[in-house]
C-alpha cells in the first residue's frame, strides 16, 4: 500500500536522526536552555529578521494551539477562526476545554477575511446585551489552511490592520508553513509573519522532524510569563534539547525549505495529472495537499493500491478525497499514481 493520507507518516529526516545519535550521550541543561535550542532560536530569528522576538519549542500542534491561545485570552473571551480551522475541527475541543469558545465563521476556501473579523467585532460591540456573550479576543488562521490554500501578503496585511484596529492579537498556525512558503503562488515570508502577526509557529512534525513546533512571539505583551504557561499545560519538555537540535538541523543549511519544495513539486505533479484527466479539484491548492473529486468507482479502484483520506461526498456518484505528499514521499510512488490516473 502506497500512503498519501498524511504528511507525518514517516519518522524524521536522516540528518536529524544522525544528529540525535551523535549527541545522544552529551549532557546538557534541561527545559530548552541548552546550546542547541539557543542556536535554533537564533537561526529562526535570522529568518524572521527580528532579533527581539521570543522563540519557544513545543512538541505538537494541538499542544501549541492550546497553550498559545489560552495564554492570551481573558476568561470571558473567545478566538475567531474559520469554521474549517484546525482548532475548530480536529482538536477534540481542546480550546473549549480551557474555558474559551471558538468563534467560527464561514469559509469556502479555508481562509477568513478582514471584513469577516470586522463584522464579528462590530456585531458584538453593537449588541446591547454583549456582556452576556463571549467577547472576541483574538484571531486564529492557518498558513497554509486546512484546505491547502494560502493567504496572500495583501490578505494577511488587511487582517493584521483590522486586528490592530480592534486590539485583537493575530495568531498563525504554521503546522505546514514550509509547504506554503515554497509554493509557486506564495508571497508571504517568515519576516512578514514576524511583522504582521503577534504570534505564529513553525511546524516541524509535518516537515521532517520527529516532532516539534517552534513558537515565535513578536508582540512584547505576550512574551512575559509564557514559559509558565508552557509548564502549567504540560508542554515544557525536560529533554528540551531534542527539540532545539531538530530545529537547528532543519534551518542551519536550508533543509526545511528543500524538503518542503520536494513535497510541493510532487503535489503539483498529482494536481496536473488529475486536471489533465478532467477531474475537478475541491480546493485550489498549490501546496502539498490535493483534493480531487473522483467517481466512486475510480476511488474504489485506486484504493486497492493507494491510501488517502476520504473528505466528503459530492453527490451519489462522486466524492472528494485528500492526498498529501511529504518531505519523504518517493518520486516513484507519485510516478506510479500519475500513470494509474492517466490509465483510468
Protein backbone atom coordinates (compact mmCIF):
# COMPACT_ATOMS: atom_id res chain seq x y z
CA UNK A 1 0.00 0.00 0.00
CA UNK A 2 1.35 3.41 -1.01
CA UNK A 3 0.23 6.00 1.53
CA UNK A 4 -0.88 9.54 0.70
CA UNK A 5 -3.26 10.14 3.60
CA UNK A 6 -0.98 12.37 5.71
CA UNK A 7 2.31 14.25 5.74
CA UNK A 8 3.55 12.81 9.02
CA UNK A 9 3.54 9.08 8.23
CA UNK A 10 7.33 8.85 8.16
CA UNK A 11 9.77 9.33 11.04
CA UNK A 12 12.42 12.01 10.56
CA UNK A 13 14.97 13.15 8.02
CA UNK A 14 18.20 11.10 8.27
CA UNK A 15 20.24 14.20 9.13
CA UNK A 16 18.11 14.72 12.22
CA UNK A 17 18.47 11.10 13.25
CA UNK A 18 22.23 11.30 12.73
CA UNK A 19 22.43 14.42 14.89
CA UNK A 20 20.36 12.78 17.62
CA UNK A 21 22.65 9.75 17.65
CA UNK A 22 25.83 11.84 17.51
CA UNK A 23 24.79 13.92 20.52
CA UNK A 24 22.95 11.18 22.38
CA UNK A 25 25.31 10.93 25.36
CA UNK A 26 26.02 14.64 25.71
CA UNK A 27 24.95 16.24 28.96
CA UNK A 28 23.06 19.49 28.64
CA UNK A 29 20.75 21.56 30.85
CA UNK A 30 17.08 20.67 30.54
CA UNK A 31 13.92 22.52 29.58
CA UNK A 32 15.23 24.25 26.48
CA UNK A 33 18.10 26.30 27.91
CA UNK A 34 20.83 24.31 26.12
CA UNK A 35 23.17 25.35 23.30
CA UNK A 36 21.13 23.56 20.64
CA UNK A 37 17.94 25.44 21.48
CA UNK A 38 19.92 28.69 21.61
CA UNK A 39 21.38 28.08 18.16
CA UNK A 40 17.98 27.12 16.75
CA UNK A 41 16.39 30.23 18.21
CA UNK A 42 18.99 32.44 16.55
CA UNK A 43 18.55 30.75 13.18
CA UNK A 44 14.80 31.37 13.39
CA UNK A 45 15.32 34.99 14.45
CA UNK A 46 17.58 35.46 11.45
CA UNK A 47 14.87 34.15 9.13
CA UNK A 48 12.35 36.47 10.78
CA UNK A 49 14.77 39.40 10.50
CA UNK A 50 13.66 40.23 14.01
CA UNK A 51 16.18 39.66 16.76
CA UNK A 52 13.87 40.72 19.59
CA UNK A 53 11.25 38.00 19.05
CA UNK A 54 10.94 35.15 21.55
CA UNK A 55 11.19 31.56 20.33
CA UNK A 56 9.86 28.57 22.28
CA UNK A 57 9.86 24.89 21.32
CA UNK A 58 6.85 22.64 21.86
CA UNK A 59 6.08 19.06 20.88
CA UNK A 60 2.90 19.10 18.78
CA UNK A 61 0.36 21.30 17.05
CA UNK A 62 -2.66 20.82 19.32
CA UNK A 63 -0.49 21.42 22.36
CA UNK A 64 0.89 24.57 20.75
CA UNK A 65 -2.51 25.97 19.79
CA UNK A 66 -3.93 25.28 23.23
CA UNK A 67 -1.03 26.88 25.10
CA UNK A 68 -0.76 29.98 22.90
CA UNK A 69 -4.48 30.70 22.80
CA UNK A 70 -5.15 30.04 26.50
CA UNK A 71 -2.16 32.19 27.49
CA UNK A 72 -3.54 35.23 25.66
CA UNK A 73 -7.31 35.17 26.14
CA UNK A 74 -9.07 36.59 29.16
CA UNK A 75 -11.55 34.19 30.81
CA UNK A 76 -14.56 35.71 29.03
CA UNK A 77 -13.02 35.82 25.56
CA UNK A 78 -13.07 33.53 22.53
CA UNK A 79 -10.97 33.10 19.40
CA UNK A 80 -12.17 33.85 15.87
CA UNK A 81 -11.42 31.06 13.40
CA UNK A 82 -12.55 29.78 10.04
CA UNK A 83 -15.15 27.05 10.51
CA UNK A 84 -12.62 24.68 8.95
CA UNK A 85 -9.82 25.81 11.29
CA UNK A 86 -7.90 23.02 12.98
CA UNK A 87 -8.83 24.28 16.45
CA UNK A 88 -12.50 24.02 15.46
CA UNK A 89 -12.49 20.65 13.73
CA UNK A 90 -9.64 18.34 14.74
CA UNK A 91 -8.55 19.13 18.28
CA UNK A 92 -11.26 17.41 20.31
CA UNK A 93 -12.49 20.64 21.89
CA UNK A 94 -9.03 21.42 23.29
CA UNK A 95 -9.66 25.17 23.20
CA UNK A 96 -13.10 24.80 24.77
CA UNK A 97 -11.58 22.60 27.47
CA UNK A 98 -9.52 25.63 28.57
CA UNK A 99 -12.76 27.58 29.06
CA UNK A 100 -12.63 29.52 25.78
CA UNK A 101 -15.05 29.38 22.88
CA UNK A 102 -14.03 29.07 19.23
CA UNK A 103 -15.98 31.74 17.34
CA UNK A 104 -16.22 30.03 13.96
CA UNK A 105 -17.01 31.97 10.77
CA UNK A 106 -17.98 30.54 7.40
CA UNK A 107 -15.32 29.96 4.77
CA UNK A 108 -15.36 28.33 1.35
CA UNK A 109 -11.60 28.19 0.91
CA UNK A 110 -10.35 27.79 4.48
CA UNK A 111 -9.49 31.47 4.82
CA UNK A 112 -11.19 34.30 6.71
CA UNK A 113 -11.16 37.92 5.63
CA UNK A 114 -10.54 41.21 7.36
CA UNK A 115 -14.17 42.11 6.63
CA UNK A 116 -15.38 38.99 8.46
CA UNK A 117 -13.29 39.80 11.52
CA UNK A 118 -14.60 43.35 11.49
CA UNK A 119 -18.19 42.10 11.20
CA UNK A 120 -17.80 39.72 14.17
CA UNK A 121 -16.36 42.50 16.32
CA UNK A 122 -18.91 45.12 15.25
CA UNK A 123 -21.80 42.74 15.86
CA UNK A 124 -20.53 42.04 19.35
CA UNK A 125 -19.74 45.62 20.36
CA UNK A 126 -23.02 46.99 18.96
CA UNK A 127 -25.07 44.42 20.86
CA UNK A 128 -26.67 45.99 23.93
CA UNK A 129 -26.55 42.60 25.61
CA UNK A 130 -22.94 41.91 24.74
CA UNK A 131 -21.94 41.38 28.37
CA UNK A 132 -23.90 38.12 28.23
CA UNK A 133 -21.88 36.82 25.28
CA UNK A 134 -18.33 35.68 24.61
CA UNK A 135 -16.13 38.60 23.59
CA UNK A 136 -13.90 38.21 20.51
CA UNK A 137 -10.40 38.15 21.96
CA UNK A 138 -8.04 37.05 19.19
CA UNK A 139 -7.87 35.76 15.63
CA UNK A 140 -6.53 32.34 14.56
CA UNK A 141 -5.61 31.45 11.00
CA UNK A 142 -3.57 28.68 9.35
CA UNK A 143 -0.88 29.19 6.69
CA UNK A 144 -1.41 27.08 4.62
CA UNK A 145 -5.04 26.45 5.57
CA UNK A 146 -6.54 23.06 6.20
CA UNK A 147 -7.57 23.10 2.54
CA UNK A 148 -4.05 23.78 1.26
CA UNK A 149 -4.88 27.37 0.31
CA UNK A 150 -2.66 30.35 1.12
CA UNK A 151 -3.15 33.84 2.46
CA UNK A 152 -1.54 36.42 0.20
CA UNK A 153 0.55 39.22 1.66
CA UNK A 154 -2.28 41.63 0.91
CA UNK A 155 -4.84 39.45 2.72
CA UNK A 156 -2.55 39.00 5.70
CA UNK A 157 -1.80 42.73 5.83
CA UNK A 158 -5.51 43.55 5.81
CA UNK A 159 -6.16 41.03 8.57
CA UNK A 160 -3.33 42.47 10.63
CA UNK A 161 -4.66 46.00 10.19
CA UNK A 162 -8.16 45.07 11.37
CA UNK A 163 -6.78 43.08 14.29
CA UNK A 164 -4.78 46.10 15.42
CA UNK A 165 -7.83 48.33 14.99
CA UNK A 166 -9.85 46.10 17.33
CA UNK A 167 -6.91 45.24 19.62
CA UNK A 168 -7.04 41.55 18.70
CA UNK A 169 -3.82 39.52 18.66
CA UNK A 170 -3.30 37.64 15.40
CA UNK A 171 -2.04 34.06 15.75
CA UNK A 172 -0.91 31.95 12.78
CA UNK A 173 -0.85 28.16 12.88
CA UNK A 174 2.11 27.16 10.72
CA UNK A 175 1.96 23.39 11.06
CA UNK A 176 2.63 23.16 7.30
CA UNK A 177 4.33 26.53 6.95
CA UNK A 178 7.25 25.28 4.86
CA UNK A 179 4.94 23.76 2.27
CA UNK A 180 3.28 27.13 1.93
CA UNK A 181 6.45 29.18 1.70
CA UNK A 182 7.85 27.22 -1.25
CA UNK A 183 4.56 27.34 -3.19
CA UNK A 184 4.74 28.97 -6.60
CA UNK A 185 1.98 31.41 -5.60
CA UNK A 186 3.33 32.37 -2.17
CA UNK A 187 4.39 35.92 -1.34
CA UNK A 188 4.40 35.69 2.48
CA UNK A 189 7.78 35.11 4.11
CA UNK A 190 8.93 34.48 7.66
CA UNK A 191 9.76 38.17 8.12
CA UNK A 192 6.22 39.13 7.04
CA UNK A 193 4.72 36.82 9.66
CA UNK A 194 7.02 38.25 12.32
CA UNK A 195 5.98 41.80 11.42
CA UNK A 196 2.26 41.32 10.81
CA UNK A 197 1.36 38.71 13.44
CA UNK A 198 1.62 38.74 17.21
CA UNK A 199 2.41 35.03 17.43
CA UNK A 200 2.99 32.30 14.86
CA UNK A 201 4.55 28.89 14.86
CA UNK A 202 6.75 26.91 12.52
CA UNK A 203 5.74 23.29 12.13
CA UNK A 204 8.36 20.58 12.33
CA UNK A 205 6.22 17.49 12.90
CA UNK A 206 4.88 17.53 9.33
CA UNK A 207 8.14 18.68 7.75
CA UNK A 208 10.96 16.33 8.58
CA UNK A 209 11.21 16.42 12.38
CA UNK A 210 10.36 13.51 14.65
CA UNK A 211 8.19 16.00 16.49
CA UNK A 212 8.24 19.68 17.33
CA UNK A 213 6.84 23.13 16.68
CA UNK A 214 8.65 26.45 17.14
CA UNK A 215 6.53 29.29 18.57
CA UNK A 216 7.61 32.80 17.59
CA UNK A 217 6.26 35.66 19.71
CA UNK A 218 6.71 39.12 18.22
CA UNK A 219 4.44 41.16 20.47
CA UNK A 220 6.09 42.09 23.77
CA UNK A 221 2.73 41.94 25.52
CA UNK A 222 2.59 38.15 25.18
CA UNK A 223 6.21 37.27 25.95
CA UNK A 224 6.26 37.69 29.71
CA UNK A 225 5.40 34.54 31.59
CA UNK A 226 4.89 32.38 28.51
CA UNK A 227 7.19 29.67 29.88
CA UNK A 228 4.95 29.46 32.96
CA UNK A 229 2.05 28.67 30.65
CA UNK A 230 4.09 26.05 28.83
CA UNK A 231 4.94 24.34 32.12
CA UNK A 232 1.43 24.52 33.52
CA UNK A 233 -0.01 22.95 30.37
CA UNK A 234 2.49 20.09 30.37
CA UNK A 235 4.49 21.34 27.41
CA UNK A 236 7.90 22.07 28.96
CA UNK A 237 9.92 19.09 27.77
CA UNK A 238 12.62 18.05 30.25
CA UNK A 239 14.88 16.88 27.42
CA UNK A 240 14.29 20.14 25.61
CA UNK A 241 17.50 19.87 23.62
CA UNK A 242 15.79 17.18 21.50
CA UNK A 243 13.56 19.92 20.11
CA UNK A 244 16.24 22.55 19.66
CA UNK A 245 18.59 20.10 17.99
CA UNK A 246 15.96 19.21 15.40
CA UNK A 247 15.17 22.81 14.53
CA UNK A 248 18.86 23.66 14.38
CA UNK A 249 19.28 20.88 11.82
CA UNK A 250 16.21 21.98 9.86
CA UNK A 251 17.39 25.57 9.48
CA UNK A 252 21.18 25.52 9.56
CA UNK A 253 21.53 24.56 5.89
CA UNK A 254 18.15 25.27 4.25
CA UNK A 255 16.99 21.68 4.82
CA UNK A 256 13.49 22.78 5.90
CA UNK A 257 12.78 24.50 2.59
CA UNK A 258 14.46 21.84 0.47
CA UNK A 259 12.20 19.16 1.98
CA UNK A 260 9.15 21.37 1.59
CA UNK A 261 9.93 22.02 -2.06
CA UNK A 262 10.29 18.28 -2.70
CA UNK A 263 6.78 17.67 -1.37
CA UNK A 264 5.17 20.53 -3.24
CA UNK A 265 6.78 19.61 -6.58
CA UNK A 266 5.32 16.11 -6.26
CA UNK A 267 1.96 17.52 -5.24
CA UNK A 268 1.91 19.67 -8.37
CA UNK A 269 2.51 16.56 -10.46
CA UNK A 270 -0.58 14.97 -8.90
CA UNK A 271 -2.59 18.15 -9.42
CA UNK A 272 -1.64 18.21 -13.09
CA UNK A 273 -2.48 14.53 -13.56
CA UNK A 274 -5.95 14.92 -12.07
CA UNK A 275 -6.81 18.09 -14.01
CA UNK A 276 -5.47 16.77 -17.33
CA UNK A 277 -7.71 13.74 -16.87
CA UNK A 278 -10.67 16.08 -16.46
CA UNK A 279 -11.19 15.66 -12.72
CA UNK A 280 -12.15 18.78 -10.76
CA UNK A 281 -10.43 19.85 -7.55
CA UNK A 282 -12.48 20.75 -4.49
CA UNK A 283 -9.97 23.43 -3.41
CA UNK A 284 -7.40 25.39 -5.37
CA UNK A 285 -4.31 24.19 -3.54
CA UNK A 286 -0.76 24.89 -4.66
CA UNK A 287 0.79 23.30 -1.57
CA UNK A 288 1.31 19.67 -0.57
CA UNK A 289 -2.39 18.77 -0.27
CA UNK A 290 -4.66 17.97 -3.20
CA UNK A 291 -8.43 17.41 -3.06
CA UNK A 292 -9.63 15.74 -6.28
CA UNK A 293 -13.30 14.98 -6.89
CA UNK A 294 -13.48 11.46 -8.28
CA UNK A 295 -16.17 8.97 -9.30
CA UNK A 296 -16.72 6.48 -6.52
CA UNK A 297 -15.83 3.55 -8.73
CA UNK A 298 -12.49 5.22 -9.52
CA UNK A 299 -11.86 5.71 -5.81
CA UNK A 300 -12.58 2.06 -5.18
CA UNK A 301 -10.11 1.09 -7.89
CA UNK A 302 -7.34 3.40 -6.66
CA UNK A 303 -7.85 2.43 -3.01
CA UNK A 304 -6.65 -1.09 -3.74
CA UNK A 305 -3.16 0.29 -4.24
CA UNK A 306 -3.14 3.71 -2.55
CA UNK A 307 -4.39 5.09 0.75
CA UNK A 308 -5.83 8.59 1.02
CA UNK A 309 -8.24 10.48 3.25
CA UNK A 310 -11.94 10.47 2.40
CA UNK A 311 -13.06 14.09 2.58
CA UNK A 312 -16.76 14.32 1.72
CA UNK A 313 -19.47 13.14 -0.64
CA UNK A 314 -20.16 15.47 -3.56
CA UNK A 315 -23.18 13.60 -4.90
CA UNK A 316 -24.36 10.00 -5.14
CA UNK A 317 -21.65 9.11 -7.63
CA UNK A 318 -18.70 11.32 -6.68
CA UNK A 319 -16.59 12.00 -3.59
CA UNK A 320 -13.70 14.30 -2.72
CA UNK A 321 -10.58 12.86 -1.14
CA UNK A 322 -7.35 14.36 0.18
CA UNK A 323 -3.90 13.27 -0.92
CA UNK A 324 -0.82 14.58 0.86
CA UNK A 325 2.75 14.49 -0.26
CA UNK A 326 5.51 14.95 2.30
CA UNK A 327 9.19 15.64 2.68
CA UNK A 328 9.76 11.88 2.39
CA UNK A 329 7.36 10.94 -0.44
CA UNK A 330 9.20 8.89 -3.03
CA UNK A 331 9.16 10.18 -6.58
CA UNK A 332 8.50 6.69 -7.92
CA UNK A 333 5.30 6.46 -5.83
CA UNK A 334 3.97 9.64 -7.42
CA UNK A 335 5.03 8.41 -10.85
CA UNK A 336 3.04 5.21 -10.29
CA UNK A 337 -0.05 7.11 -9.20
CA UNK A 338 0.22 9.55 -12.12
CA UNK A 339 0.46 6.59 -14.52
CA UNK A 340 -2.58 4.95 -12.92
CA UNK A 341 -4.56 8.20 -13.17
CA UNK A 342 -3.70 8.52 -16.86
CA UNK A 343 -4.78 4.91 -17.42
CA UNK A 344 -8.25 5.40 -15.91
